[in-house]
Amino acid sequence: MQSIIEISWLELSLFSFILLIPLSINYFLRLALAQEMIIASVRMAIQLVLVGLYLQYLFTLNNVWINVLWLLLMALIGTSSIIGKSHLPKKPLFMPIFSGLLVGLIPLLFIILIGLLLPSPPFSAQYLIPLAGMLLGNSLSGNIVALQRLFTAFDDRKMEYEGLLALGANSRQAAFPFIQTALQQALAPSLASMSTTGLVTLPGMMTGQILAGVDPITAIKYQLVILIAIFVMIIVSVTTALLLTTRKLINPSGLILVSLKKT
């Protein structure tokens, strides 16, 4: 296997000029996204460099309590992002979504770190932080889709929901078909991605390891662990968030306290 090929800052800067392609497309098709593209690109670069510097320090320090605090901060930011992109009120939804992320994340990290990889120390920042980042990052879109589909269904199929209540169903029973549909739609992209992995796409983690000189079979083993964990993380976090959300935002009489149309 070839050793790691270093990329200099100059080479990276020159490569970044390839961003002129999407900017040109934006100009010719009048997408009005130039400012958003530039801001997003600059923020991405600055944030990644700062996180890289911080992670170097974090890996050297390797204090379990600092690692846990960083983990909670990641979950808090992820929760805020989900709520913001879902266009739903933050205050009533924050704890259900935050709880869903933690319920999905923490057991998986224990299983991977304590039962599989066995790093020393057990909660080494080198493993804990990247694993948590991948799991949380991949669960964001699933949660956003699920919440949007849930409340869109409540708005668009209000008569169906009220009809179930009128027939004697309690609020949980009446909400079940909407939760079921939201979960199915949230899982659809993940299932499609899993079924084509290796044939249509080569996942980023595996590709990065191979480029870094890791044996392909070893890289595949790690990638399988991550893909399985991501799928479990998505379904557990989304299910928990949906159940807690409906429990909190539907009162005992069955009235839905939040609507996408109102927000």
C-alpha atoms as a PDB file:
ATOM      1  CA  MET A   1       0.000   0.000   0.000  1.00  0.00           C
ATOM      2  CA  GLN A   2       1.173   3.515  -0.811  1.00  0.00           C
ATOM      3  CA  SER A   3       1.877   5.794   2.150  1.00  0.00           C
ATOM      4  CA  ILE A   4      -0.269   8.841   2.935  1.00  0.00           C
ATOM      5  CA  ILE A   5      -0.020  11.585   0.300  1.00  0.00           C
ATOM      6  CA  GLU A   6       0.100  14.931   2.056  1.00  0.00           C
ATOM      7  CA  ILE A   7      -1.904  17.888   0.706  1.00  0.00           C
ATOM      8  CA  SER A   8      -0.248  21.268   1.224  1.00  0.00           C
ATOM      9  CA  TRP A   9      -2.250  24.363   2.154  1.00  0.00           C
ATOM     10  CA  LEU A  10      -1.247  25.924  -1.179  1.00  0.00           C
ATOM     11  CA  GLU A  11      -2.523  22.907  -3.116  1.00  0.00           C
ATOM     12  CA  LEU A  12      -5.763  22.970  -1.113  1.00  0.00           C
ATOM     13  CA  SER A  13      -6.189  26.696  -1.794  1.00  0.00           C
ATOM     14  CA  LEU A  14      -5.679  26.200  -5.514  1.00  0.00           C
ATOM     15  CA  PHE A  15      -8.124  23.280  -5.549  1.00  0.00           C
ATOM     16  CA  SER A  16     -10.775  25.454  -3.895  1.00  0.00           C
ATOM     17  CA  PHE A  17     -10.992  27.532  -7.086  1.00  0.00           C
ATOM     18  CA  ILE A  18     -13.101  24.677  -8.442  1.00  0.00           C
ATOM     19  CA  LEU A  19     -15.928  26.340  -6.518  1.00  0.00           C
ATOM     20  CA  LEU A  20     -16.085  28.801  -9.418  1.00  0.00           C
ATOM     21  CA  ILE A  21     -18.027  26.098 -11.280  1.00  0.00           C
ATOM     22  CA  PRO A  22     -21.129  26.154  -9.032  1.00  0.00           C
ATOM     23  CA  LEU A  23     -20.852  29.946  -8.821  1.00  0.00           C
ATOM     24  CA  SER A  24     -20.861  30.128 -12.626  1.00  0.00           C
ATOM     25  CA  ILE A  25     -23.902  27.856 -12.812  1.00  0.00           C
ATOM     26  CA  ASN A  26     -25.597  30.071 -10.260  1.00  0.00           C
ATOM     27  CA  TYR A  27     -24.834  33.148 -12.397  1.00  0.00           C
ATOM     28  CA  PHE A  28     -26.022  31.742 -15.727  1.00  0.00           C
ATOM     29  CA  LEU A  29     -29.173  30.133 -14.301  1.00  0.00           C
ATOM     30  CA  ARG A  30     -29.903  33.098 -11.995  1.00  0.00           C
ATOM     31  CA  LEU A  31     -30.348  30.939  -8.936  1.00  0.00           C
ATOM     32  CA  ALA A  32     -29.640  33.852  -6.573  1.00  0.00           C
ATOM     33  CA  LEU A  33     -27.548  31.554  -4.374  1.00  0.00           C
ATOM     34  CA  ALA A  34     -24.126  33.165  -4.809  1.00  0.00           C
ATOM     35  CA  GLN A  35     -24.026  34.800  -1.385  1.00  0.00           C
ATOM     36  CA  GLU A  36     -25.283  31.665   0.337  1.00  0.00           C
ATOM     37  CA  MET A  37     -22.726  29.507  -1.523  1.00  0.00           C
ATOM     38  CA  ILE A  38     -19.831  31.796  -0.605  1.00  0.00           C
ATOM     39  CA  ILE A  39     -20.860  32.117   3.045  1.00  0.00           C
ATOM     40  CA  ALA A  40     -21.423  28.365   3.356  1.00  0.00           C
ATOM     41  CA  SER A  41     -18.027  27.584   1.790  1.00  0.00           C
ATOM     42  CA  VAL A  42     -16.143  30.085   3.948  1.00  0.00           C
ATOM     43  CA  ARG A  43     -17.925  28.931   7.107  1.00  0.00           C
ATOM     44  CA  MET A  44     -17.205  25.298   6.250  1.00  0.00           C
ATOM     45  CA  ALA A  45     -13.485  25.995   5.774  1.00  0.00           C
ATOM     46  CA  ILE A  46     -13.118  28.111   8.915  1.00  0.00           C
ATOM     47  CA  GLN A  47     -15.150  25.726  11.071  1.00  0.00           C
ATOM     48  CA  LEU A  48     -13.241  22.660   9.887  1.00  0.00           C
ATOM     49  CA  VAL A  49      -9.835  24.288  10.437  1.00  0.00           C
ATOM     50  CA  LEU A  50     -10.841  25.456  13.928  1.00  0.00           C
ATOM     51  CA  VAL A  51     -12.311  22.039  14.760  1.00  0.00           C
ATOM     52  CA  GLY A  52      -9.155  20.382  13.446  1.00  0.00           C
ATOM     53  CA  LEU A  53      -6.982  22.548  15.694  1.00  0.00           C
ATOM     54  CA  TYR A  54      -9.286  21.921  18.632  1.00  0.00           C
ATOM     55  CA  LEU A  55      -9.350  18.173  18.014  1.00  0.00           C
ATOM     56  CA  GLN A  56      -5.560  18.095  17.992  1.00  0.00           C
ATOM     57  CA  TYR A  57      -5.654  19.630  21.460  1.00  0.00           C
ATOM     58  CA  LEU A  58      -8.555  17.398  22.519  1.00  0.00           C
ATOM     59  CA  PHE A  59      -6.781  14.231  21.384  1.00  0.00           C
ATOM     60  CA  THR A  60      -3.645  15.251  23.288  1.00  0.00           C
ATOM     61  CA  LEU A  61      -5.557  16.160  26.452  1.00  0.00           C
ATOM     62  CA  ASN A  62      -7.898  13.146  26.173  1.00  0.00           C
ATOM     63  CA  ASN A  63      -9.914  13.970  29.304  1.00  0.00           C
ATOM     64  CA  VAL A  64     -13.080  11.900  29.583  1.00  0.00           C
ATOM     65  CA  TRP A  65     -15.166  14.720  31.071  1.00  0.00           C
ATOM     66  CA  ILE A  66     -14.150  17.188  28.375  1.00  0.00           C
ATOM     67  CA  ASN A  67     -14.956  14.534  25.775  1.00  0.00           C
ATOM     68  CA  VAL A  68     -18.412  14.037  27.276  1.00  0.00           C
ATOM     69  CA  LEU A  69     -19.067  17.792  27.392  1.00  0.00           C
ATOM     70  CA  TRP A  70     -18.043  18.075  23.739  1.00  0.00           C
ATOM     71  CA  LEU A  71     -20.378  15.191  22.931  1.00  0.00           C
ATOM     72  CA  LEU A  72     -23.298  16.946  24.645  1.00  0.00           C
ATOM     73  CA  LEU A  73     -22.474  20.174  22.804  1.00  0.00           C
ATOM     74  CA  MET A  74     -22.621  18.300  19.488  1.00  0.00           C
ATOM     75  CA  ALA A  75     -26.030  16.878  20.424  1.00  0.00           C
ATOM     76  CA  LEU A  76     -27.307  20.324  21.451  1.00  0.00           C
ATOM     77  CA  ILE A  77     -26.185  21.892  18.173  1.00  0.00           C
ATOM     78  CA  GLY A  78     -27.697  18.984  16.237  1.00  0.00           C
ATOM     79  CA  THR A  79     -31.012  19.435  18.044  1.00  0.00           C
ATOM     80  CA  SER A  80     -31.096  23.152  17.235  1.00  0.00           C
ATOM     81  CA  SER A  81     -30.307  22.418  13.597  1.00  0.00           C
ATOM     82  CA  ILE A  82     -33.112  19.844  13.308  1.00  0.00           C
ATOM     83  CA  ILE A  83     -35.683  22.215  14.796  1.00  0.00           C
ATOM     84  CA  GLY A  84     -34.513  25.141  12.679  1.00  0.00           C
ATOM     85  CA  LYS A  85     -34.657  23.201   9.418  1.00  0.00           C
ATOM     86  CA  SER A  86     -38.032  21.714  10.335  1.00  0.00           C
ATOM     87  CA  HIS A  87     -39.529  25.211  10.814  1.00  0.00           C
ATOM     88  CA  LEU A  88     -41.148  24.196  14.085  1.00  0.00           C
ATOM     89  CA  PRO A  89     -41.145  25.984  17.458  1.00  0.00           C
ATOM     90  CA  LYS A  90     -37.980  25.370  19.452  1.00  0.00           C
ATOM     91  CA  LYS A  91     -39.220  25.424  23.027  1.00  0.00           C
ATOM     92  CA  PRO A  92     -41.698  22.498  22.994  1.00  0.00           C
ATOM     93  CA  LEU A  93     -39.665  20.329  20.625  1.00  0.00           C
ATOM     94  CA  PHE A  94     -36.168  20.751  22.044  1.00  0.00           C
ATOM     95  CA  MET A  95     -36.270  18.074  24.756  1.00  0.00           C
ATOM     96  CA  PRO A  96     -38.051  15.386  22.679  1.00  0.00           C
ATOM     97  CA  ILE A  97     -35.506  15.719  19.862  1.00  0.00           C
ATOM     98  CA  PHE A  98     -32.493  16.093  22.165  1.00  0.00           C
ATOM     99  CA  SER A  99     -33.634  13.021  24.099  1.00  0.00           C
ATOM    100  CA  GLY A 100     -34.093  11.082  20.863  1.00  0.00           C
ATOM    101  CA  LEU A 101     -30.533  11.860  19.774  1.00  0.00           C
ATOM    102  CA  LEU A 102     -29.061  10.818  23.117  1.00  0.00           C
ATOM    103  CA  VAL A 103     -31.150   7.628  23.313  1.00  0.00           C
ATOM    104  CA  GLY A 104     -29.860   6.639  19.882  1.00  0.00           C
ATOM    105  CA  LEU A 105     -26.277   7.815  20.367  1.00  0.00           C
ATOM    106  CA  ILE A 106     -25.075   6.825  23.829  1.00  0.00           C
ATOM    107  CA  PRO A 107     -25.873   3.069  23.756  1.00  0.00           C
ATOM    108  CA  LEU A 108     -24.294   2.765  20.308  1.00  0.00           C
ATOM    109  CA  LEU A 109     -21.104   4.473  21.443  1.00  0.00           C
ATOM    110  CA  PHE A 110     -20.899   2.113  24.433  1.00  0.00           C
ATOM    111  CA  ILE A 111     -21.370  -0.945  22.217  1.00  0.00           C
ATOM    112  CA  ILE A 112     -18.792   0.175  19.648  1.00  0.00           C
ATOM    113  CA  LEU A 113     -16.166   1.428  22.098  1.00  0.00           C
ATOM    114  CA  ILE A 114     -16.587  -1.046  24.974  1.00  0.00           C
ATOM    115  CA  GLY A 115     -17.753  -4.111  23.075  1.00  0.00           C
ATOM    116  CA  LEU A 116     -15.988  -3.869  19.714  1.00  0.00           C
ATOM    117  CA  LEU A 117     -13.028  -1.514  19.269  1.00  0.00           C
ATOM    118  CA  LEU A 118     -11.757  -1.495  22.886  1.00  0.00           C
ATOM    119  CA  PRO A 119      -9.521   1.588  22.624  1.00  0.00           C
ATOM    120  CA  SER A 120      -7.319   2.592  25.550  1.00  0.00           C
ATOM    121  CA  PRO A 121      -8.585   4.580  27.350  1.00  0.00           C
ATOM    122  CA  PRO A 122     -12.127   3.337  26.589  1.00  0.00           C
ATOM    123  CA  PHE A 123     -13.563   6.765  25.740  1.00  0.00           C
ATOM    124  CA  SER A 124     -10.565   8.039  23.823  1.00  0.00           C
ATOM    125  CA  ALA A 125     -11.296  11.304  22.012  1.00  0.00           C
ATOM    126  CA  GLN A 126      -9.707   9.886  18.867  1.00  0.00           C
ATOM    127  CA  TYR A 127     -12.578   7.393  18.603  1.00  0.00           C
ATOM    128  CA  LEU A 128     -15.396   8.953  20.620  1.00  0.00           C
ATOM    129  CA  ILE A 129     -15.624  12.323  18.867  1.00  0.00           C
ATOM    130  CA  PRO A 130     -15.420  11.175  15.204  1.00  0.00           C
ATOM    131  CA  LEU A 131     -17.861   8.306  15.829  1.00  0.00           C
ATOM    132  CA  ALA A 132     -20.333  10.611  17.575  1.00  0.00           C
ATOM    133  CA  GLY A 133     -19.984  13.154  14.780  1.00  0.00           C
ATOM    134  CA  MET A 134     -20.749  10.604  12.083  1.00  0.00           C
ATOM    135  CA  LEU A 135     -23.743   9.193  13.940  1.00  0.00           C
ATOM    136  CA  LEU A 136     -25.224  12.576  14.818  1.00  0.00           C
ATOM    137  CA  GLY A 137     -24.522  14.097  11.415  1.00  0.00           C
ATOM    138  CA  ASN A 138     -26.224  11.291   9.532  1.00  0.00           C
ATOM    139  CA  SER A 139     -29.281  11.328  11.804  1.00  0.00           C
ATOM    140  CA  LEU A 140     -30.072  15.022  11.245  1.00  0.00           C
ATOM    141  CA  SER A 141     -31.747  14.650   7.866  1.00  0.00           C
ATOM    142  CA  GLY A 142     -33.826  11.680   9.021  1.00  0.00           C
ATOM    143  CA  ASN A 143     -35.162  13.640  11.988  1.00  0.00           C
ATOM    144  CA  ILE A 144     -35.899  16.700   9.852  1.00  0.00           C
ATOM    145  CA  VAL A 145     -37.810  14.652   7.275  1.00  0.00           C
ATOM    146  CA  ALA A 146     -39.752  12.768   9.970  1.00  0.00           C
ATOM    147  CA  LEU A 147     -40.865  15.909  11.825  1.00  0.00           C
ATOM    148  CA  GLN A 148     -41.859  17.725   8.649  1.00  0.00           C
ATOM    149  CA  ARG A 149     -43.815  14.726   7.380  1.00  0.00           C
ATOM    150  CA  LEU A 150     -45.514  14.249  10.742  1.00  0.00           C
ATOM    151  CA  PHE A 151     -46.848  17.779  11.073  1.00  0.00           C
ATOM    152  CA  THR A 152     -47.590  18.117   7.354  1.00  0.00           C
ATOM    153  CA  ALA A 153     -49.711  14.972   7.659  1.00  0.00           C
ATOM    154  CA  PHE A 154     -51.513  16.385  10.691  1.00  0.00           C
ATOM    155  CA  ASP A 155     -52.273  19.552   8.705  1.00  0.00           C
ATOM    156  CA  ASP A 156     -53.236  17.907   5.406  1.00  0.00           C
ATOM    157  CA  ARG A 157     -55.092  14.910   6.862  1.00  0.00           C
ATOM    158  CA  LYS A 158     -56.731  16.643   9.778  1.00  0.00           C
ATOM    159  CA  MET A 159     -60.156  15.200   8.981  1.00  0.00           C
ATOM    160  CA  GLU A 160     -58.755  11.667   9.015  1.00  0.00           C
ATOM    161  CA  TYR A 161     -57.170  12.281  12.410  1.00  0.00           C
ATOM    162  CA  GLU A 162     -60.356  13.785  13.833  1.00  0.00           C
ATOM    163  CA  GLY A 163     -62.387  10.939  12.357  1.00  0.00           C
ATOM    164  CA  LEU A 164     -60.277   8.386  14.231  1.00  0.00           C
ATOM    165  CA  LEU A 165     -60.835  10.335  17.441  1.00  0.00           C
ATOM    166  CA  ALA A 166     -64.582  10.447  16.745  1.00  0.00           C
ATOM    167  CA  LEU A 167     -64.624   6.678  16.281  1.00  0.00           C
ATOM    168  CA  GLY A 168     -63.267   6.215  19.784  1.00  0.00           C
ATOM    169  CA  ALA A 169     -59.508   6.111  19.248  1.00  0.00           C
ATOM    170  CA  ASN A 170     -57.369   7.871  21.821  1.00  0.00           C
ATOM    171  CA  SER A 171     -54.825  10.485  20.727  1.00  0.00           C
ATOM    172  CA  ARG A 172     -51.968   7.960  20.512  1.00  0.00           C
ATOM    173  CA  GLN A 173     -53.993   5.537  18.413  1.00  0.00           C
ATOM    174  CA  ALA A 174     -55.171   8.321  16.103  1.00  0.00           C
ATOM    175  CA  ALA A 175     -51.610   9.616  15.689  1.00  0.00           C
ATOM    176  CA  PHE A 176     -50.109   6.173  15.003  1.00  0.00           C
ATOM    177  CA  PRO A 177     -50.678   6.151  11.187  1.00  0.00           C
ATOM    178  CA  PHE A 178     -48.981   9.551  10.929  1.00  0.00           C
ATOM    179  CA  ILE A 179     -46.004   8.425  13.018  1.00  0.00           C
ATOM    180  CA  GLN A 180     -45.759   5.276  10.922  1.00  0.00           C
ATOM    181  CA  THR A 181     -45.742   7.213   7.634  1.00  0.00           C
ATOM    182  CA  ALA A 182     -43.241   9.794   8.911  1.00  0.00           C
ATOM    183  CA  LEU A 183     -40.852   7.059  10.038  1.00  0.00           C
ATOM    184  CA  GLN A 184     -41.145   5.172   6.737  1.00  0.00           C
ATOM    185  CA  GLN A 185     -40.351   8.306   4.741  1.00  0.00           C
ATOM    186  CA  ALA A 186     -37.466   9.258   7.029  1.00  0.00           C
ATOM    187  CA  LEU A 187     -35.877   5.814   6.599  1.00  0.00           C
ATOM    188  CA  ALA A 188     -36.355   5.621   2.821  1.00  0.00           C
ATOM    189  CA  PRO A 189     -33.111   7.481   1.867  1.00  0.00           C
ATOM    190  CA  SER A 190     -31.034   5.400   4.289  1.00  0.00           C
ATOM    191  CA  LEU A 191     -32.460   2.133   3.003  1.00  0.00           C
ATOM    192  CA  ALA A 192     -31.861   3.198  -0.608  1.00  0.00           C
ATOM    193  CA  SER A 193     -28.277   4.189   0.228  1.00  0.00           C
ATOM    194  CA  MET A 194     -27.594   0.929   2.059  1.00  0.00           C
ATOM    195  CA  SER A 195     -28.930  -1.182  -0.801  1.00  0.00           C
ATOM    196  CA  THR A 196     -26.619   0.484  -3.343  1.00  0.00           C
ATOM    197  CA  THR A 197     -23.498   0.852  -1.206  1.00  0.00           C
ATOM    198  CA  GLY A 198     -20.536  -0.811  -2.893  1.00  0.00           C
ATOM    199  CA  LEU A 199     -22.293  -0.870  -6.270  1.00  0.00           C
ATOM    200  CA  VAL A 200     -23.187   2.776  -6.826  1.00  0.00           C
ATOM    201  CA  THR A 201     -21.344   4.535  -4.000  1.00  0.00           C
ATOM    202  CA  LEU A 202     -18.204   4.017  -1.967  1.00  0.00           C
ATOM    203  CA  PRO A 203     -18.823   5.544   1.479  1.00  0.00           C
ATOM    204  CA  GLY A 204     -16.676   8.462   2.582  1.00  0.00           C
ATOM    205  CA  MET A 205     -15.084   6.845   5.622  1.00  0.00           C
ATOM    206  CA  MET A 206     -13.919   3.804   3.658  1.00  0.00           C
ATOM    207  CA  THR A 207     -12.642   5.953   0.793  1.00  0.00           C
ATOM    208  CA  GLY A 208     -10.767   8.211   3.221  1.00  0.00           C
ATOM    209  CA  GLN A 209      -9.114   5.252   4.933  1.00  0.00           C
ATOM    210  CA  ILE A 210      -8.070   3.708   1.630  1.00  0.00           C
ATOM    211  CA  LEU A 211      -6.614   7.039   0.471  1.00  0.00           C
ATOM    212  CA  ALA A 212      -4.749   7.163   3.786  1.00  0.00           C
ATOM    213  CA  GLY A 213      -3.127   3.797   3.040  1.00  0.00           C
ATOM    214  CA  VAL A 214      -5.337   1.459   5.087  1.00  0.00           C
ATOM    215  CA  ASP A 215      -5.910  -2.034   3.705  1.00  0.00           C
ATOM    216  CA  PRO A 216      -9.263  -2.079   1.782  1.00  0.00           C
ATOM    217  CA  ILE A 217     -10.639  -5.049   3.748  1.00  0.00           C
ATOM    218  CA  THR A 218      -9.889  -3.304   7.059  1.00  0.00           C
ATOM    219  CA  ALA A 219     -11.506  -0.139   5.726  1.00  0.00           C
ATOM    220  CA  ILE A 220     -14.590  -2.126   4.701  1.00  0.00           C
ATOM    221  CA  LYS A 221     -14.906  -3.630   8.184  1.00  0.00           C
ATOM    222  CA  TYR A 222     -14.874  -0.185   9.764  1.00  0.00           C
ATOM    223  CA  GLN A 223     -17.319   1.123   7.184  1.00  0.00           C
ATOM    224  CA  LEU A 224     -19.758  -1.724   7.838  1.00  0.00           C
ATOM    225  CA  VAL A 225     -19.653  -0.962  11.565  1.00  0.00           C
ATOM    226  CA  ILE A 226     -20.373   2.712  10.871  1.00  0.00           C
ATOM    227  CA  LEU A 227     -23.174   2.085   8.353  1.00  0.00           C
ATOM    228  CA  ILE A 228     -24.946  -0.359  10.648  1.00  0.00           C
ATOM    229  CA  ALA A 229     -24.561   2.040  13.581  1.00  0.00           C
ATOM    230  CA  ILE A 230     -25.835   4.977  11.513  1.00  0.00           C
ATOM    231  CA  PHE A 231     -28.954   3.079  10.470  1.00  0.00           C
ATOM    232  CA  VAL A 232     -29.662   2.034  14.070  1.00  0.00           C
ATOM    233  CA  MET A 233     -28.994   5.596  15.239  1.00  0.00           C
ATOM    234  CA  ILE A 234     -31.453   7.029  12.713  1.00  0.00           C
ATOM    235  CA  ILE A 235     -34.303   4.635  13.446  1.00  0.00           C
ATOM    236  CA  VAL A 236     -33.896   4.846  17.249  1.00  0.00           C
ATOM    237  CA  SER A 237     -33.492   8.634  17.382  1.00  0.00           C
ATOM    238  CA  VAL A 238     -36.332   9.318  14.938  1.00  0.00           C
ATOM    239  CA  THR A 239     -38.710   6.859  16.623  1.00  0.00           C
ATOM    240  CA  THR A 240     -37.957   8.275  20.071  1.00  0.00           C
ATOM    241  CA  ALA A 241     -38.302  11.873  18.865  1.00  0.00           C
ATOM    242  CA  LEU A 242     -41.618  11.187  17.124  1.00  0.00           C
ATOM    243  CA  LEU A 243     -43.115   9.364  20.115  1.00  0.00           C
ATOM    244  CA  LEU A 244     -41.986  12.017  22.599  1.00  0.00           C
ATOM    245  CA  THR A 245     -43.074  14.841  20.290  1.00  0.00           C
ATOM    246  CA  THR A 246     -46.596  13.519  19.802  1.00  0.00           C
ATOM    247  CA  ARG A 247     -46.879  12.811  23.505  1.00  0.00           C
ATOM    248  CA  LYS A 248     -45.927  16.389  24.373  1.00  0.00           C
ATOM    249  CA  LEU A 249     -47.685  18.284  21.582  1.00  0.00           C
ATOM    250  CA  ILE A 250     -51.042  16.486  21.583  1.00  0.00           C
ATOM    251  CA  ASN A 251     -53.145  17.246  24.627  1.00  0.00           C
ATOM    252  CA  PRO A 252     -55.353  14.638  26.367  1.00  0.00           C
ATOM    253  CA  SER A 253     -58.396  15.661  24.286  1.00  0.00           C
ATOM    254  CA  GLY A 254     -56.459  15.041  21.053  1.00  0.00           C
ATOM    255  CA  LEU A 255     -55.848  18.680  20.096  1.00  0.00           C
ATOM    256  CA  ILE A 256     -52.571  19.204  18.198  1.00  0.00           C
ATOM    257  CA  LEU A 257     -50.777  22.193  19.698  1.00  0.00           C
ATOM    258  CA  VAL A 258     -48.362  22.838  16.802  1.00  0.00           C
ATOM    259  CA  SER A 259     -48.971  23.279  13.094  1.00  0.00           C
ATOM    260  CA  LEU A 260     -46.560  23.847  10.221  1.00  0.00           C
ATOM    261  CA  LYS A 261     -49.088  26.180   8.633  1.00  0.00           C
ATOM    262  CA  LYS A 262     -48.997  28.425  11.687  1.00  0.00           C
ATOM    263  CA  THR A 263     -45.248  28.592  11.729  1.00  0.00           C
END
